[in-house]
Amino acid sequence: MSSIVFRLVTIRRHAGRVTSGRAADIVWVAYLLMDAVQQRFTVALDALVEQIKKDRSILAAILCGSLSHDVVWEKSDIDLMLVTIDDKKVESSDLPLYADGLNVHTNLIPRAEFRKVIEGSFDNSFVRALLAKARLLYTQDETIAELCRQAQKIGAHDTKLQLLRAATHALPSIYKAHKWLITRGDLDYTALWILYAATGLAEIEVVSHRLVADREVIPQALKLNPEFFKQIYTDLLNAKKTRKTVQEALDVIDRYMADRAAVLFALIIEHLRDVGEARSSREIDDYCRRHMNVSHVTTACEYLADQQMIGKASLPVRLTKKSTAEVRELAFFYLSDPIRR
């Protein structure tokens, strides 16, 4: 009973700091309601985990999502990852559960696959993001606990992979924003494409700090680089749009990308340097997809060529296996002495 009283007093004091008088009472009631919801989710989770612990095929339970690190509300659900034993009959799967009236999104993953995700090259970036702020509830295998700790770290090669993936994600939206401003002068639609690009840019910012980008990556980035993301995100959402402010947002994005291009696209540049000759866009894309799990890098190569950081060429190609005539395919090559604009 004393713990409940302590929580109520703490909540009331916090409400008083936020505001005063009748408004403070309203805030207090809101906090009480949120606290009650949080307690309901916690009780339901604890009961479910006690049931799961009896299953010998489950080696660990990991709490993900809002309940692990944030505040839940009545429409939230519980995100749970269960690491299973390694068995041919036990496959990775998703299983919706129901616990005390609450939806539980459950992902079952065999221990070997879980290890591969953590120790691999960020092939499953969604799982890594899910684990960024996850909480290990229990485990019967200490190596899983170590893997969970490792999941919240990022190595040098993984950093390059994530930066390349984020940059290739951002570039098409940046180009679209430029197009709509130049060809149509449509400030709203240009701003929308900039906001689409904001997620990729936020991933770049977070990963550049050797942090794991989670599902709330824009709030993460706002804390790391508030001036930049205020201009290209917050202001575009909240302030009146003018040709000047939208153009300035695009200009600052262009500078942001150009200043970091050598790092963002290092894996492409290094690949072209290692092969020592021109490679077709299709060959480069196939290589990046097979070895890095990054697709559609031709736009990135075009960007690097525009920045005069790699060269652009063409190679002969036949359109089909039965073609008798040759055409020219877009290709790129390494520049030993690149020119930076």
C-alpha atoms as a PDB file:
ATOM      1  CA  MET A   1       0.000   0.000   0.000  1.00  0.00           C
ATOM      2  CA  SER A   2       2.846   2.361   0.844  1.00  0.00           C
ATOM      3  CA  SER A   3       4.361   1.936  -2.645  1.00  0.00           C
ATOM      4  CA  ILE A   4       1.066   2.934  -4.244  1.00  0.00           C
ATOM      5  CA  VAL A   5       0.861   6.037  -2.072  1.00  0.00           C
ATOM      6  CA  PHE A   6       4.439   6.924  -2.973  1.00  0.00           C
ATOM      7  CA  ARG A   7       3.620   6.649  -6.707  1.00  0.00           C
ATOM      8  CA  LEU A   8       0.557   8.868  -6.302  1.00  0.00           C
ATOM      9  CA  VAL A   9       2.529  11.513  -4.422  1.00  0.00           C
ATOM     10  CA  THR A  10       5.293  11.434  -7.047  1.00  0.00           C
ATOM     11  CA  ILE A  11       2.781  11.831  -9.879  1.00  0.00           C
ATOM     12  CA  ARG A  12       1.007  14.699  -8.076  1.00  0.00           C
ATOM     13  CA  ARG A  13       4.277  16.541  -7.507  1.00  0.00           C
ATOM     14  CA  HIS A  14       5.224  16.138 -11.164  1.00  0.00           C
ATOM     15  CA  ALA A  15       1.852  17.529 -12.228  1.00  0.00           C
ATOM     16  CA  GLY A  16       2.428  20.525  -9.969  1.00  0.00           C
ATOM     17  CA  ARG A  17       5.763  21.203 -11.664  1.00  0.00           C
ATOM     18  CA  VAL A  18       4.122  21.114 -15.080  1.00  0.00           C
ATOM     19  CA  THR A  19       1.400  23.623 -14.174  1.00  0.00           C
ATOM     20  CA  SER A  20      -0.691  24.765 -11.219  1.00  0.00           C
ATOM     21  CA  GLY A  21      -4.252  25.033  -9.932  1.00  0.00           C
ATOM     22  CA  ARG A  22      -7.089  23.349 -11.804  1.00  0.00           C
ATOM     23  CA  ALA A  23      -4.827  22.640 -14.768  1.00  0.00           C
ATOM     24  CA  ALA A  24      -2.497  20.739 -12.449  1.00  0.00           C
ATOM     25  CA  ASP A  25      -5.422  18.582 -11.304  1.00  0.00           C
ATOM     26  CA  ILE A  26      -6.236  17.746 -14.935  1.00  0.00           C
ATOM     27  CA  VAL A  27      -2.625  16.859 -15.632  1.00  0.00           C
ATOM     28  CA  TRP A  28      -2.558  14.752 -12.474  1.00  0.00           C
ATOM     29  CA  VAL A  29      -5.595  12.763 -13.598  1.00  0.00           C
ATOM     30  CA  ALA A  30      -3.960  12.230 -17.018  1.00  0.00           C
ATOM     31  CA  TYR A  31      -0.806  10.924 -15.373  1.00  0.00           C
ATOM     32  CA  LEU A  32      -2.855   8.626 -13.153  1.00  0.00           C
ATOM     33  CA  LEU A  33      -4.634   7.188 -16.173  1.00  0.00           C
ATOM     34  CA  MET A  34      -1.360   6.623 -18.032  1.00  0.00           C
ATOM     35  CA  ASP A  35       0.149   5.030 -14.939  1.00  0.00           C
ATOM     36  CA  ALA A  36      -2.831   2.680 -14.631  1.00  0.00           C
ATOM     37  CA  VAL A  37      -2.437   1.646 -18.272  1.00  0.00           C
ATOM     38  CA  GLN A  38       1.285   1.041 -17.752  1.00  0.00           C
ATOM     39  CA  GLN A  39       0.533  -1.110 -14.706  1.00  0.00           C
ATOM     40  CA  ARG A  40      -2.048  -3.146 -16.616  1.00  0.00           C
ATOM     41  CA  PHE A  41       0.440  -3.900 -19.386  1.00  0.00           C
ATOM     42  CA  THR A  42       3.157  -4.804 -16.903  1.00  0.00           C
ATOM     43  CA  VAL A  43       0.924  -7.202 -14.957  1.00  0.00           C
ATOM     44  CA  ALA A  44      -0.253  -8.898 -18.174  1.00  0.00           C
ATOM     45  CA  LEU A  45       3.326  -9.261 -19.398  1.00  0.00           C
ATOM     46  CA  ASP A  46       4.563 -10.707 -16.108  1.00  0.00           C
ATOM     47  CA  ALA A  47       1.804 -13.323 -16.112  1.00  0.00           C
ATOM     48  CA  LEU A  48       2.517 -14.299 -19.718  1.00  0.00           C
ATOM     49  CA  VAL A  49       6.268 -14.591 -19.117  1.00  0.00           C
ATOM     50  CA  GLU A  50       5.668 -16.896 -16.154  1.00  0.00           C
ATOM     51  CA  GLN A  51       3.720 -19.179 -18.487  1.00  0.00           C
ATOM     52  CA  ILE A  52       6.422 -19.060 -21.154  1.00  0.00           C
ATOM     53  CA  LYS A  53       9.147 -19.955 -18.662  1.00  0.00           C
ATOM     54  CA  LYS A  54       7.551 -23.392 -18.314  1.00  0.00           C
ATOM     55  CA  ASP A  55       8.202 -24.079 -22.025  1.00  0.00           C
ATOM     56  CA  ARG A  56      11.620 -25.715 -22.347  1.00  0.00           C
ATOM     57  CA  SER A  57      11.791 -24.939 -26.058  1.00  0.00           C
ATOM     58  CA  ILE A  58      11.951 -21.189 -25.275  1.00  0.00           C
ATOM     59  CA  LEU A  59      15.441 -20.121 -24.216  1.00  0.00           C
ATOM     60  CA  ALA A  60      14.847 -16.398 -23.741  1.00  0.00           C
ATOM     61  CA  ALA A  61      12.175 -13.721 -23.757  1.00  0.00           C
ATOM     62  CA  ILE A  62      13.035 -10.204 -24.925  1.00  0.00           C
ATOM     63  CA  LEU A  63      10.665  -7.278 -24.487  1.00  0.00           C
ATOM     64  CA  CYS A  64      10.697  -4.837 -27.409  1.00  0.00           C
ATOM     65  CA  GLY A  65       8.684  -1.777 -28.343  1.00  0.00           C
ATOM     66  CA  SER A  66       7.211   0.950 -26.155  1.00  0.00           C
ATOM     67  CA  LEU A  67       6.746  -1.119 -23.009  1.00  0.00           C
ATOM     68  CA  SER A  68      10.483  -1.814 -22.867  1.00  0.00           C
ATOM     69  CA  HIS A  69      11.608   1.823 -22.834  1.00  0.00           C
ATOM     70  CA  ASP A  70       8.708   4.243 -23.236  1.00  0.00           C
ATOM     71  CA  VAL A  71       5.130   4.994 -22.195  1.00  0.00           C
ATOM     72  CA  VAL A  72       2.284   2.863 -23.518  1.00  0.00           C
ATOM     73  CA  TRP A  73      -1.305   3.930 -24.083  1.00  0.00           C
ATOM     74  CA  GLU A  74      -4.561   2.009 -24.302  1.00  0.00           C
ATOM     75  CA  LYS A  75      -4.126   1.237 -28.019  1.00  0.00           C
ATOM     76  CA  SER A  76      -0.595  -0.072 -27.604  1.00  0.00           C
ATOM     77  CA  ASP A  77       0.342  -3.713 -27.797  1.00  0.00           C
ATOM     78  CA  ILE A  78       3.191  -5.761 -26.381  1.00  0.00           C
ATOM     79  CA  ASP A  79       6.129  -6.652 -28.630  1.00  0.00           C
ATOM     80  CA  LEU A  80       7.859  -9.820 -27.536  1.00  0.00           C
ATOM     81  CA  MET A  81      10.733 -11.747 -29.094  1.00  0.00           C
ATOM     82  CA  LEU A  82      11.198 -15.357 -28.024  1.00  0.00           C
ATOM     83  CA  VAL A  83      14.480 -17.129 -28.760  1.00  0.00           C
ATOM     84  CA  THR A  84      13.830 -20.820 -29.314  1.00  0.00           C
ATOM     85  CA  ILE A  85      15.955 -23.946 -29.311  1.00  0.00           C
ATOM     86  CA  ASP A  86      17.643 -24.957 -32.554  1.00  0.00           C
ATOM     87  CA  ASP A  87      15.534 -27.680 -34.083  1.00  0.00           C
ATOM     88  CA  LYS A  88      14.425 -28.449 -37.619  1.00  0.00           C
ATOM     89  CA  LYS A  89      10.850 -28.562 -36.394  1.00  0.00           C
ATOM     90  CA  VAL A  90      11.103 -25.102 -34.825  1.00  0.00           C
ATOM     91  CA  GLU A  91      11.110 -22.324 -37.414  1.00  0.00           C
ATOM     92  CA  SER A  92      11.208 -18.550 -37.247  1.00  0.00           C
ATOM     93  CA  SER A  93       7.658 -17.246 -37.185  1.00  0.00           C
ATOM     94  CA  ASP A  94       5.267 -14.564 -35.984  1.00  0.00           C
ATOM     95  CA  LEU A  95       2.539 -15.525 -33.550  1.00  0.00           C
ATOM     96  CA  PRO A  96      -0.154 -13.113 -32.265  1.00  0.00           C
ATOM     97  CA  LEU A  97      -0.908 -13.889 -28.609  1.00  0.00           C
ATOM     98  CA  TYR A  98      -3.632 -12.621 -26.281  1.00  0.00           C
ATOM     99  CA  ALA A  99      -2.788 -11.869 -22.642  1.00  0.00           C
ATOM    100  CA  ASP A 100      -5.317 -10.482 -20.186  1.00  0.00           C
ATOM    101  CA  GLY A 101      -7.174  -8.638 -22.951  1.00  0.00           C
ATOM    102  CA  LEU A 102      -4.013  -7.268 -24.581  1.00  0.00           C
ATOM    103  CA  ASN A 103      -2.560  -8.077 -27.999  1.00  0.00           C
ATOM    104  CA  VAL A 104       0.968  -9.469 -27.947  1.00  0.00           C
ATOM    105  CA  HIS A 105       2.949  -9.459 -31.170  1.00  0.00           C
ATOM    106  CA  THR A 106       5.349 -12.350 -30.724  1.00  0.00           C
ATOM    107  CA  ASN A 107       8.321 -13.122 -32.940  1.00  0.00           C
ATOM    108  CA  LEU A 108       9.862 -16.573 -32.495  1.00  0.00           C
ATOM    109  CA  ILE A 109      13.423 -16.929 -33.695  1.00  0.00           C
ATOM    110  CA  PRO A 110      15.767 -19.956 -33.312  1.00  0.00           C
ATOM    111  CA  ARG A 111      18.956 -19.327 -31.356  1.00  0.00           C
ATOM    112  CA  ALA A 112      21.234 -19.898 -34.369  1.00  0.00           C
ATOM    113  CA  GLU A 113      19.271 -17.418 -36.473  1.00  0.00           C
ATOM    114  CA  PHE A 114      19.246 -14.905 -33.625  1.00  0.00           C
ATOM    115  CA  ARG A 115      23.020 -15.204 -33.370  1.00  0.00           C
ATOM    116  CA  LYS A 116      23.364 -14.774 -37.122  1.00  0.00           C
ATOM    117  CA  VAL A 117      21.311 -11.567 -37.038  1.00  0.00           C
ATOM    118  CA  ILE A 118      23.398 -10.106 -34.226  1.00  0.00           C
ATOM    119  CA  GLU A 119      26.824 -11.229 -35.411  1.00  0.00           C
ATOM    120  CA  GLY A 120      26.100 -10.773 -39.116  1.00  0.00           C
ATOM    121  CA  SER A 121      26.260  -7.655 -41.213  1.00  0.00           C
ATOM    122  CA  PHE A 122      22.981  -6.025 -40.269  1.00  0.00           C
ATOM    123  CA  ASP A 123      21.205  -8.185 -42.853  1.00  0.00           C
ATOM    124  CA  ASN A 124      18.028  -7.852 -40.811  1.00  0.00           C
ATOM    125  CA  SER A 125      18.036  -4.174 -39.918  1.00  0.00           C
ATOM    126  CA  PHE A 126      14.421  -4.369 -38.679  1.00  0.00           C
ATOM    127  CA  VAL A 127      15.340  -6.897 -35.995  1.00  0.00           C
ATOM    128  CA  ARG A 128      18.406  -4.868 -35.015  1.00  0.00           C
ATOM    129  CA  ALA A 129      16.267  -1.743 -34.694  1.00  0.00           C
ATOM    130  CA  LEU A 130      13.732  -3.694 -32.657  1.00  0.00           C
ATOM    131  CA  LEU A 131      16.488  -4.812 -30.282  1.00  0.00           C
ATOM    132  CA  ALA A 132      18.093  -1.378 -29.980  1.00  0.00           C
ATOM    133  CA  LYS A 133      16.092  -0.536 -26.854  1.00  0.00           C
ATOM    134  CA  ALA A 134      14.888  -4.003 -25.966  1.00  0.00           C
ATOM    135  CA  ARG A 135      15.013  -5.509 -22.489  1.00  0.00           C
ATOM    136  CA  LEU A 136      15.976  -9.113 -21.763  1.00  0.00           C
ATOM    137  CA  LEU A 137      13.309 -10.504 -19.433  1.00  0.00           C
ATOM    138  CA  TYR A 138      14.925 -13.871 -18.788  1.00  0.00           C
ATOM    139  CA  THR A 139      17.204 -16.395 -20.444  1.00  0.00           C
ATOM    140  CA  GLN A 140      18.343 -19.964 -19.894  1.00  0.00           C
ATOM    141  CA  ASP A 141      21.463 -19.346 -21.997  1.00  0.00           C
ATOM    142  CA  GLU A 142      24.027 -16.739 -20.971  1.00  0.00           C
ATOM    143  CA  THR A 143      25.295 -16.451 -24.553  1.00  0.00           C
ATOM    144  CA  ILE A 144      21.914 -14.963 -25.500  1.00  0.00           C
ATOM    145  CA  ALA A 145      22.365 -12.300 -22.818  1.00  0.00           C
ATOM    146  CA  GLU A 146      25.745 -11.427 -24.336  1.00  0.00           C
ATOM    147  CA  LEU A 147      24.193 -11.254 -27.811  1.00  0.00           C
ATOM    148  CA  CYS A 148      21.564  -8.840 -26.500  1.00  0.00           C
ATOM    149  CA  ARG A 149      24.319  -6.602 -25.141  1.00  0.00           C
ATOM    150  CA  GLN A 150      26.122  -6.858 -28.475  1.00  0.00           C
ATOM    151  CA  ALA A 151      22.931  -5.906 -30.355  1.00  0.00           C
ATOM    152  CA  GLN A 152      23.100  -2.440 -28.846  1.00  0.00           C
ATOM    153  CA  LYS A 153      26.571  -1.836 -30.243  1.00  0.00           C
ATOM    154  CA  ILE A 154      27.679  -1.168 -33.811  1.00  0.00           C
ATOM    155  CA  GLY A 155      31.012  -2.037 -35.395  1.00  0.00           C
ATOM    156  CA  ALA A 156      33.010  -0.224 -38.076  1.00  0.00           C
ATOM    157  CA  HIS A 157      31.918  -2.401 -41.015  1.00  0.00           C
ATOM    158  CA  ASP A 158      28.317  -2.424 -39.833  1.00  0.00           C
ATOM    159  CA  THR A 159      28.481   1.365 -39.671  1.00  0.00           C
ATOM    160  CA  LYS A 160      29.494   1.529 -43.333  1.00  0.00           C
ATOM    161  CA  LEU A 161      26.674  -0.818 -44.317  1.00  0.00           C
ATOM    162  CA  GLN A 162      24.051   1.095 -42.402  1.00  0.00           C
ATOM    163  CA  LEU A 163      25.252   4.439 -43.738  1.00  0.00           C
ATOM    164  CA  LEU A 164      25.104   3.143 -47.311  1.00  0.00           C
ATOM    165  CA  ARG A 165      21.610   1.768 -46.769  1.00  0.00           C
ATOM    166  CA  ALA A 166      20.386   5.007 -45.180  1.00  0.00           C
ATOM    167  CA  ALA A 167      21.940   7.207 -47.881  1.00  0.00           C
ATOM    168  CA  THR A 168      20.446   5.153 -50.729  1.00  0.00           C
ATOM    169  CA  HIS A 169      17.124   5.406 -48.916  1.00  0.00           C
ATOM    170  CA  ALA A 170      17.313   9.201 -48.681  1.00  0.00           C
ATOM    171  CA  LEU A 171      18.621  10.084 -52.151  1.00  0.00           C
ATOM    172  CA  PRO A 172      15.523   9.330 -54.303  1.00  0.00           C
ATOM    173  CA  SER A 173      13.318  11.496 -52.079  1.00  0.00           C
ATOM    174  CA  ILE A 174      15.859  14.313 -52.182  1.00  0.00           C
ATOM    175  CA  TYR A 175      15.887  14.184 -55.984  1.00  0.00           C
ATOM    176  CA  LYS A 176      12.061  14.178 -56.045  1.00  0.00           C
ATOM    177  CA  ALA A 177      11.984  17.248 -53.813  1.00  0.00           C
ATOM    178  CA  HIS A 178      14.331  19.105 -56.174  1.00  0.00           C
ATOM    179  CA  LYS A 179      12.223  18.079 -59.163  1.00  0.00           C
ATOM    180  CA  TRP A 180       8.936  19.332 -57.685  1.00  0.00           C
ATOM    181  CA  LEU A 181      10.415  22.634 -56.628  1.00  0.00           C
ATOM    182  CA  ILE A 182      12.111  23.280 -60.000  1.00  0.00           C
ATOM    183  CA  THR A 183       9.426  21.985 -62.365  1.00  0.00           C
ATOM    184  CA  ARG A 184       6.232  22.854 -60.480  1.00  0.00           C
ATOM    185  CA  GLY A 185       7.168  25.264 -57.726  1.00  0.00           C
ATOM    186  CA  ASP A 186       4.873  23.214 -55.467  1.00  0.00           C
ATOM    187  CA  LEU A 187       6.052  24.060 -51.957  1.00  0.00           C
ATOM    188  CA  ASP A 188       3.778  21.610 -50.154  1.00  0.00           C
ATOM    189  CA  TYR A 189       4.696  18.607 -52.304  1.00  0.00           C
ATOM    190  CA  THR A 190       8.382  19.533 -52.240  1.00  0.00           C
ATOM    191  CA  ALA A 191       8.204  19.705 -48.446  1.00  0.00           C
ATOM    192  CA  LEU A 192       6.497  16.309 -48.364  1.00  0.00           C
ATOM    193  CA  TRP A 193       9.391  14.716 -50.278  1.00  0.00           C
ATOM    194  CA  ILE A 194      11.868  16.390 -47.921  1.00  0.00           C
ATOM    195  CA  LEU A 195       9.979  14.870 -44.995  1.00  0.00           C
ATOM    196  CA  TYR A 196      10.155  11.474 -46.692  1.00  0.00           C
ATOM    197  CA  ALA A 197      13.929  11.937 -46.907  1.00  0.00           C
ATOM    198  CA  ALA A 198      14.109  12.916 -43.230  1.00  0.00           C
ATOM    199  CA  THR A 199      13.967   9.304 -42.058  1.00  0.00           C
ATOM    200  CA  GLY A 200      17.003   8.307 -44.131  1.00  0.00           C
ATOM    201  CA  LEU A 201      18.848  11.453 -43.055  1.00  0.00           C
ATOM    202  CA  ALA A 202      18.017  10.697 -39.425  1.00  0.00           C
ATOM    203  CA  GLU A 203      19.388   7.178 -39.838  1.00  0.00           C
ATOM    204  CA  ILE A 204      22.607   8.689 -41.204  1.00  0.00           C
ATOM    205  CA  GLU A 205      22.897  11.000 -38.199  1.00  0.00           C
ATOM    206  CA  VAL A 206      22.266   8.286 -35.622  1.00  0.00           C
ATOM    207  CA  VAL A 207      24.520   5.658 -37.208  1.00  0.00           C
ATOM    208  CA  SER A 208      27.275   8.261 -37.678  1.00  0.00           C
ATOM    209  CA  HIS A 209      27.347   8.508 -33.889  1.00  0.00           C
ATOM    210  CA  ARG A 210      27.867   4.723 -33.734  1.00  0.00           C
ATOM    211  CA  LEU A 211      24.386   4.245 -32.310  1.00  0.00           C
ATOM    212  CA  VAL A 212      21.735   1.771 -33.412  1.00  0.00           C
ATOM    213  CA  ALA A 213      18.861   3.521 -35.176  1.00  0.00           C
ATOM    214  CA  ASP A 214      15.594   2.443 -33.610  1.00  0.00           C
ATOM    215  CA  ARG A 215      12.032   2.805 -34.846  1.00  0.00           C
ATOM    216  CA  GLU A 216      11.832   6.375 -33.501  1.00  0.00           C
ATOM    217  CA  VAL A 217      14.907   7.454 -35.421  1.00  0.00           C
ATOM    218  CA  ILE A 218      13.847  11.062 -36.120  1.00  0.00           C
ATOM    219  CA  PRO A 219      13.454  11.943 -32.414  1.00  0.00           C
ATOM    220  CA  GLN A 220      16.853  10.294 -31.890  1.00  0.00           C
ATOM    221  CA  ALA A 221      18.418  12.470 -34.581  1.00  0.00           C
ATOM    222  CA  LEU A 222      16.729  15.639 -33.305  1.00  0.00           C
ATOM    223  CA  LYS A 223      18.638  15.239 -30.046  1.00  0.00           C
ATOM    224  CA  LEU A 224      21.944  14.682 -31.853  1.00  0.00           C
ATOM    225  CA  ASN A 225      21.679  17.466 -34.446  1.00  0.00           C
ATOM    226  CA  PRO A 226      18.779  19.751 -33.457  1.00  0.00           C
ATOM    227  CA  GLU A 227      19.682  22.663 -35.752  1.00  0.00           C
ATOM    228  CA  PHE A 228      19.745  20.574 -38.937  1.00  0.00           C
ATOM    229  CA  PHE A 229      16.595  18.559 -38.224  1.00  0.00           C
ATOM    230  CA  LYS A 230      14.698  21.616 -37.048  1.00  0.00           C
ATOM    231  CA  GLN A 231      15.249  23.166 -40.478  1.00  0.00           C
ATOM    232  CA  ILE A 232      14.468  20.112 -42.602  1.00  0.00           C
ATOM    233  CA  TYR A 233      11.810  18.518 -40.418  1.00  0.00           C
ATOM    234  CA  THR A 234      10.259  20.506 -37.544  1.00  0.00           C
ATOM    235  CA  ASP A 235      10.020  23.832 -39.375  1.00  0.00           C
ATOM    236  CA  LEU A 236       8.558  22.215 -42.487  1.00  0.00           C
ATOM    237  CA  LEU A 237       5.836  20.655 -40.339  1.00  0.00           C
ATOM    238  CA  ASN A 238       5.011  23.673 -38.203  1.00  0.00           C
ATOM    239  CA  ALA A 239       6.105  26.903 -39.925  1.00  0.00           C
ATOM    240  CA  LYS A 240       4.652  28.671 -42.963  1.00  0.00           C
ATOM    241  CA  LYS A 241       6.350  27.448 -46.134  1.00  0.00           C
ATOM    242  CA  THR A 242       7.906  29.955 -48.488  1.00  0.00           C
ATOM    243  CA  ARG A 243      10.038  29.456 -51.566  1.00  0.00           C
ATOM    244  CA  LYS A 244      13.005  30.726 -49.542  1.00  0.00           C
ATOM    245  CA  THR A 245      12.585  28.369 -46.570  1.00  0.00           C
ATOM    246  CA  VAL A 246      11.961  25.299 -48.734  1.00  0.00           C
ATOM    247  CA  GLN A 247      14.953  26.081 -50.961  1.00  0.00           C
ATOM    248  CA  GLU A 248      17.124  26.633 -47.890  1.00  0.00           C
ATOM    249  CA  ALA A 249      16.029  23.260 -46.518  1.00  0.00           C
ATOM    250  CA  LEU A 250      17.084  21.589 -49.763  1.00  0.00           C
ATOM    251  CA  ASP A 251      20.378  23.485 -49.799  1.00  0.00           C
ATOM    252  CA  VAL A 252      21.261  22.399 -46.275  1.00  0.00           C
ATOM    253  CA  ILE A 253      20.387  18.785 -47.153  1.00  0.00           C
ATOM    254  CA  ASP A 254      22.619  18.948 -50.236  1.00  0.00           C
ATOM    255  CA  ARG A 255      25.511  20.240 -48.122  1.00  0.00           C
ATOM    256  CA  TYR A 256      24.847  17.593 -45.477  1.00  0.00           C
ATOM    257  CA  MET A 257      25.046  14.789 -48.045  1.00  0.00           C
ATOM    258  CA  ALA A 258      28.032  16.230 -49.930  1.00  0.00           C
ATOM    259  CA  ASP A 259      30.076  16.717 -46.759  1.00  0.00           C
ATOM    260  CA  ARG A 260      29.555  13.068 -45.835  1.00  0.00           C
ATOM    261  CA  ALA A 261      29.514  11.454 -49.288  1.00  0.00           C
ATOM    262  CA  ALA A 262      32.937   9.811 -49.025  1.00  0.00           C
ATOM    263  CA  VAL A 263      31.866   8.078 -45.819  1.00  0.00           C
ATOM    264  CA  LEU A 264      28.261   7.344 -46.783  1.00  0.00           C
ATOM    265  CA  PHE A 265      29.198   5.633 -50.046  1.00  0.00           C
ATOM    266  CA  ALA A 266      32.595   4.273 -48.979  1.00  0.00           C
ATOM    267  CA  LEU A 267      31.650   0.659 -49.765  1.00  0.00           C
ATOM    268  CA  ILE A 268      30.760   1.499 -53.376  1.00  0.00           C
ATOM    269  CA  ILE A 269      33.938   3.527 -53.877  1.00  0.00           C
ATOM    270  CA  GLU A 270      36.051   0.778 -52.283  1.00  0.00           C
ATOM    271  CA  HIS A 271      34.459  -1.878 -54.501  1.00  0.00           C
ATOM    272  CA  LEU A 272      35.211   0.060 -57.688  1.00  0.00           C
ATOM    273  CA  ARG A 273      38.757   0.675 -56.469  1.00  0.00           C
ATOM    274  CA  ASP A 274      39.276  -3.043 -55.787  1.00  0.00           C
ATOM    275  CA  VAL A 275      37.982  -4.252 -59.178  1.00  0.00           C
ATOM    276  CA  GLY A 276      40.169  -1.681 -60.947  1.00  0.00           C
ATOM    277  CA  GLU A 277      37.980  -1.282 -64.035  1.00  0.00           C
ATOM    278  CA  ALA A 278      34.565  -0.067 -65.114  1.00  0.00           C
ATOM    279  CA  ARG A 279      31.582  -2.030 -63.889  1.00  0.00           C
ATOM    280  CA  SER A 280      28.072  -1.836 -65.295  1.00  0.00           C
ATOM    281  CA  SER A 281      25.337  -0.472 -63.060  1.00  0.00           C
ATOM    282  CA  ARG A 282      23.715  -3.899 -63.101  1.00  0.00           C
ATOM    283  CA  GLU A 283      26.938  -5.589 -61.930  1.00  0.00           C
ATOM    284  CA  ILE A 284      27.393  -3.057 -59.135  1.00  0.00           C
ATOM    285  CA  ASP A 285      23.803  -3.466 -58.023  1.00  0.00           C
ATOM    286  CA  ASP A 286      24.083  -7.273 -58.053  1.00  0.00           C
ATOM    287  CA  TYR A 287      27.286  -7.098 -56.011  1.00  0.00           C
ATOM    288  CA  CYS A 288      25.777  -4.796 -53.386  1.00  0.00           C
ATOM    289  CA  ARG A 289      22.640  -6.888 -53.123  1.00  0.00           C
ATOM    290  CA  ARG A 290      24.550 -10.172 -52.694  1.00  0.00           C
ATOM    291  CA  HIS A 291      27.298  -8.975 -50.362  1.00  0.00           C
ATOM    292  CA  MET A 292      25.673  -6.075 -48.501  1.00  0.00           C
ATOM    293  CA  ASN A 293      21.929  -6.674 -48.780  1.00  0.00           C
ATOM    294  CA  VAL A 294      21.610  -3.181 -50.280  1.00  0.00           C
ATOM    295  CA  SER A 295      19.633  -2.795 -53.505  1.00  0.00           C
ATOM    296  CA  HIS A 296      19.099  -0.074 -56.123  1.00  0.00           C
ATOM    297  CA  VAL A 297      22.498   1.583 -55.748  1.00  0.00           C
ATOM    298  CA  THR A 298      22.547   3.004 -59.282  1.00  0.00           C
ATOM    299  CA  THR A 299      21.096   6.262 -57.932  1.00  0.00           C
ATOM    300  CA  ALA A 300      23.965   6.397 -55.448  1.00  0.00           C
ATOM    301  CA  CYS A 301      26.471   5.832 -58.274  1.00  0.00           C
ATOM    302  CA  GLU A 302      24.842   8.619 -60.300  1.00  0.00           C
ATOM    303  CA  TYR A 303      25.138  10.900 -57.287  1.00  0.00           C
ATOM    304  CA  LEU A 304      28.831  10.069 -56.840  1.00  0.00           C
ATOM    305  CA  ALA A 305      29.455  10.682 -60.547  1.00  0.00           C
ATOM    306  CA  ASP A 306      27.681  14.055 -60.323  1.00  0.00           C
ATOM    307  CA  GLN A 307      29.954  14.884 -57.394  1.00  0.00           C
ATOM    308  CA  GLN A 308      32.911  13.774 -59.566  1.00  0.00           C
ATOM    309  CA  MET A 309      33.904  11.212 -56.951  1.00  0.00           C
ATOM    310  CA  ILE A 310      33.681   8.306 -59.413  1.00  0.00           C
ATOM    311  CA  GLY A 311      33.704   8.228 -63.194  1.00  0.00           C
ATOM    312  CA  LYS A 312      30.813   7.478 -65.532  1.00  0.00           C
ATOM    313  CA  ALA A 313      31.243   5.305 -68.621  1.00  0.00           C
ATOM    314  CA  SER A 314      29.377   2.779 -70.759  1.00  0.00           C
ATOM    315  CA  LEU A 315      29.896  -0.865 -71.610  1.00  0.00           C
ATOM    316  CA  PRO A 316      28.517  -2.959 -74.492  1.00  0.00           C
ATOM    317  CA  VAL A 317      25.458  -5.034 -73.689  1.00  0.00           C
ATOM    318  CA  ARG A 318      22.886  -7.097 -75.534  1.00  0.00           C
ATOM    319  CA  LEU A 319      19.282  -6.589 -74.519  1.00  0.00           C
ATOM    320  CA  THR A 320      18.360 -10.295 -74.644  1.00  0.00           C
ATOM    321  CA  LYS A 321      20.227 -13.576 -74.986  1.00  0.00           C
ATOM    322  CA  LYS A 322      19.089 -13.710 -78.619  1.00  0.00           C
ATOM    323  CA  SER A 323      19.974 -10.131 -79.493  1.00  0.00           C
ATOM    324  CA  THR A 324      22.417  -9.646 -82.376  1.00  0.00           C
ATOM    325  CA  ALA A 325      22.933  -5.907 -81.901  1.00  0.00           C
ATOM    326  CA  GLU A 326      24.747  -4.247 -79.049  1.00  0.00           C
ATOM    327  CA  VAL A 327      23.760  -1.136 -77.110  1.00  0.00           C
ATOM    328  CA  ARG A 328      25.609   0.697 -74.350  1.00  0.00           C
ATOM    329  CA  GLU A 329      24.952   0.085 -70.643  1.00  0.00           C
ATOM    330  CA  LEU A 330      25.587   2.667 -67.950  1.00  0.00           C
ATOM    331  CA  ALA A 331      28.791   1.933 -66.059  1.00  0.00           C
ATOM    332  CA  PHE A 332      31.009   3.508 -63.412  1.00  0.00           C
ATOM    333  CA  PHE A 333      34.690   3.365 -62.510  1.00  0.00           C
ATOM    334  CA  TYR A 334      37.022   4.391 -59.725  1.00  0.00           C
ATOM    335  CA  LEU A 335      38.787   7.743 -59.863  1.00  0.00           C
ATOM    336  CA  SER A 336      42.238   7.661 -58.284  1.00  0.00           C
ATOM    337  CA  ASP A 337      42.097  11.426 -57.856  1.00  0.00           C
ATOM    338  CA  PRO A 338      38.427  12.376 -57.422  1.00  0.00           C
ATOM    339  CA  ILE A 339      37.308  15.984 -57.694  1.00  0.00           C
ATOM    340  CA  ARG A 340      35.049  17.149 -54.889  1.00  0.00           C
ATOM    341  CA  ARG A 341      32.566  19.879 -55.753  1.00  0.00           C
END
